[in-house]
Amino acid sequence: MDYKKAWNELKELYKWKIETVENVEDRGTLDKVITECDKHVLKEMERIEKRLD
């Protein structure tokens, strides 16, 4: 995998996170959604990093 492709995947990942968080209407669940998004983003970042090695 080249770095440009990895960068594009990361941009899409953060775009997904922002859109997901913005669509949360219930403020009570916002922290939970952010936490779950962060877990997903970290897992995907590790996957991308492994493919770069």
C-alpha atoms as a PDB file:
ATOM      1  CA  MET A   1       0.000   0.000   0.000  1.00  0.00           C
ATOM      2  CA  ASP A   2       1.330   3.414  -0.811  1.00  0.00           C
ATOM      3  CA  TYR A   3       1.165   6.408   1.465  1.00  0.00           C
ATOM      4  CA  LYS A   4      -1.259   8.349  -0.725  1.00  0.00           C
ATOM      5  CA  LYS A   5      -3.806   5.535  -0.542  1.00  0.00           C
ATOM      6  CA  ALA A   6      -3.297   5.266   3.224  1.00  0.00           C
ATOM      7  CA  TRP A   7      -3.769   9.020   3.598  1.00  0.00           C
ATOM      8  CA  ASN A   8      -6.992   8.885   1.589  1.00  0.00           C
ATOM      9  CA  GLU A   9      -8.291   6.043   3.761  1.00  0.00           C
ATOM     10  CA  LEU A  10      -7.522   8.040   6.899  1.00  0.00           C
ATOM     11  CA  LYS A  11      -9.316  11.098   5.519  1.00  0.00           C
ATOM     12  CA  GLU A  12     -12.386   8.989   4.763  1.00  0.00           C
ATOM     13  CA  LEU A  13     -12.243   7.468   8.237  1.00  0.00           C
ATOM     14  CA  TYR A  14     -12.255  10.866   9.924  1.00  0.00           C
ATOM     15  CA  LYS A  15     -14.957  12.124   7.561  1.00  0.00           C
ATOM     16  CA  TRP A  16     -17.099   9.143   8.605  1.00  0.00           C
ATOM     17  CA  LYS A  17     -16.453   9.893  12.286  1.00  0.00           C
ATOM     18  CA  ILE A  18     -17.431  13.558  11.931  1.00  0.00           C
ATOM     19  CA  GLU A  19     -20.609  12.705  10.013  1.00  0.00           C
ATOM     20  CA  THR A  20     -21.546  10.036  12.556  1.00  0.00           C
ATOM     21  CA  VAL A  21     -21.044  12.346  15.532  1.00  0.00           C
ATOM     22  CA  GLU A  22     -22.889  15.227  13.850  1.00  0.00           C
ATOM     23  CA  ASN A  23     -25.924  13.014  13.261  1.00  0.00           C
ATOM     24  CA  VAL A  24     -26.340  12.137  16.949  1.00  0.00           C
ATOM     25  CA  GLU A  25     -29.481  13.876  18.127  1.00  0.00           C
ATOM     26  CA  ASP A  26     -29.558  12.532  21.680  1.00  0.00           C
ATOM     27  CA  ARG A  27     -26.920  14.340  23.702  1.00  0.00           C
ATOM     28  CA  GLY A  28     -27.043  11.601  26.321  1.00  0.00           C
ATOM     29  CA  THR A  29     -25.531   9.088  23.907  1.00  0.00           C
ATOM     30  CA  LEU A  30     -23.007  11.467  22.353  1.00  0.00           C
ATOM     31  CA  ASP A  31     -20.113  10.411  24.609  1.00  0.00           C
ATOM     32  CA  LYS A  32     -20.788   6.740  23.888  1.00  0.00           C
ATOM     33  CA  VAL A  33     -20.905   7.362  20.135  1.00  0.00           C
ATOM     34  CA  ILE A  34     -17.650   9.333  20.222  1.00  0.00           C
ATOM     35  CA  THR A  35     -15.964   6.588  22.256  1.00  0.00           C
ATOM     36  CA  GLU A  36     -17.122   3.867  19.850  1.00  0.00           C
ATOM     37  CA  CYS A  37     -16.035   5.942  16.839  1.00  0.00           C
ATOM     38  CA  ASP A  38     -12.616   6.494  18.402  1.00  0.00           C
ATOM     39  CA  LYS A  39     -12.214   2.750  19.009  1.00  0.00           C
ATOM     40  CA  HIS A  40     -13.122   2.045  15.391  1.00  0.00           C
ATOM     41  CA  VAL A  41     -10.778   4.745  14.080  1.00  0.00           C
ATOM     42  CA  LEU A  42      -7.864   3.414  16.150  1.00  0.00           C
ATOM     43  CA  LYS A  43      -8.486  -0.144  14.978  1.00  0.00           C
ATOM     44  CA  GLU A  44      -8.589   0.975  11.348  1.00  0.00           C
ATOM     45  CA  MET A  45      -5.463   3.103  11.771  1.00  0.00           C
ATOM     46  CA  GLU A  46      -3.595   0.064  13.113  1.00  0.00           C
ATOM     47  CA  ARG A  47      -4.789  -1.979  10.135  1.00  0.00           C
ATOM     48  CA  ILE A  48      -3.622   0.702   7.702  1.00  0.00           C
ATOM     49  CA  GLU A  49      -0.284   1.027   9.487  1.00  0.00           C
ATOM     50  CA  LYS A  50       0.336  -2.730   9.250  1.00  0.00           C
ATOM     51  CA  ARG A  51      -0.309  -2.611   5.510  1.00  0.00           C
ATOM     52  CA  LEU A  52       2.276   0.158   5.129  1.00  0.00           C
ATOM     53  CA  ASP A  53       5.027  -1.907   6.765  1.00  0.00           C
END
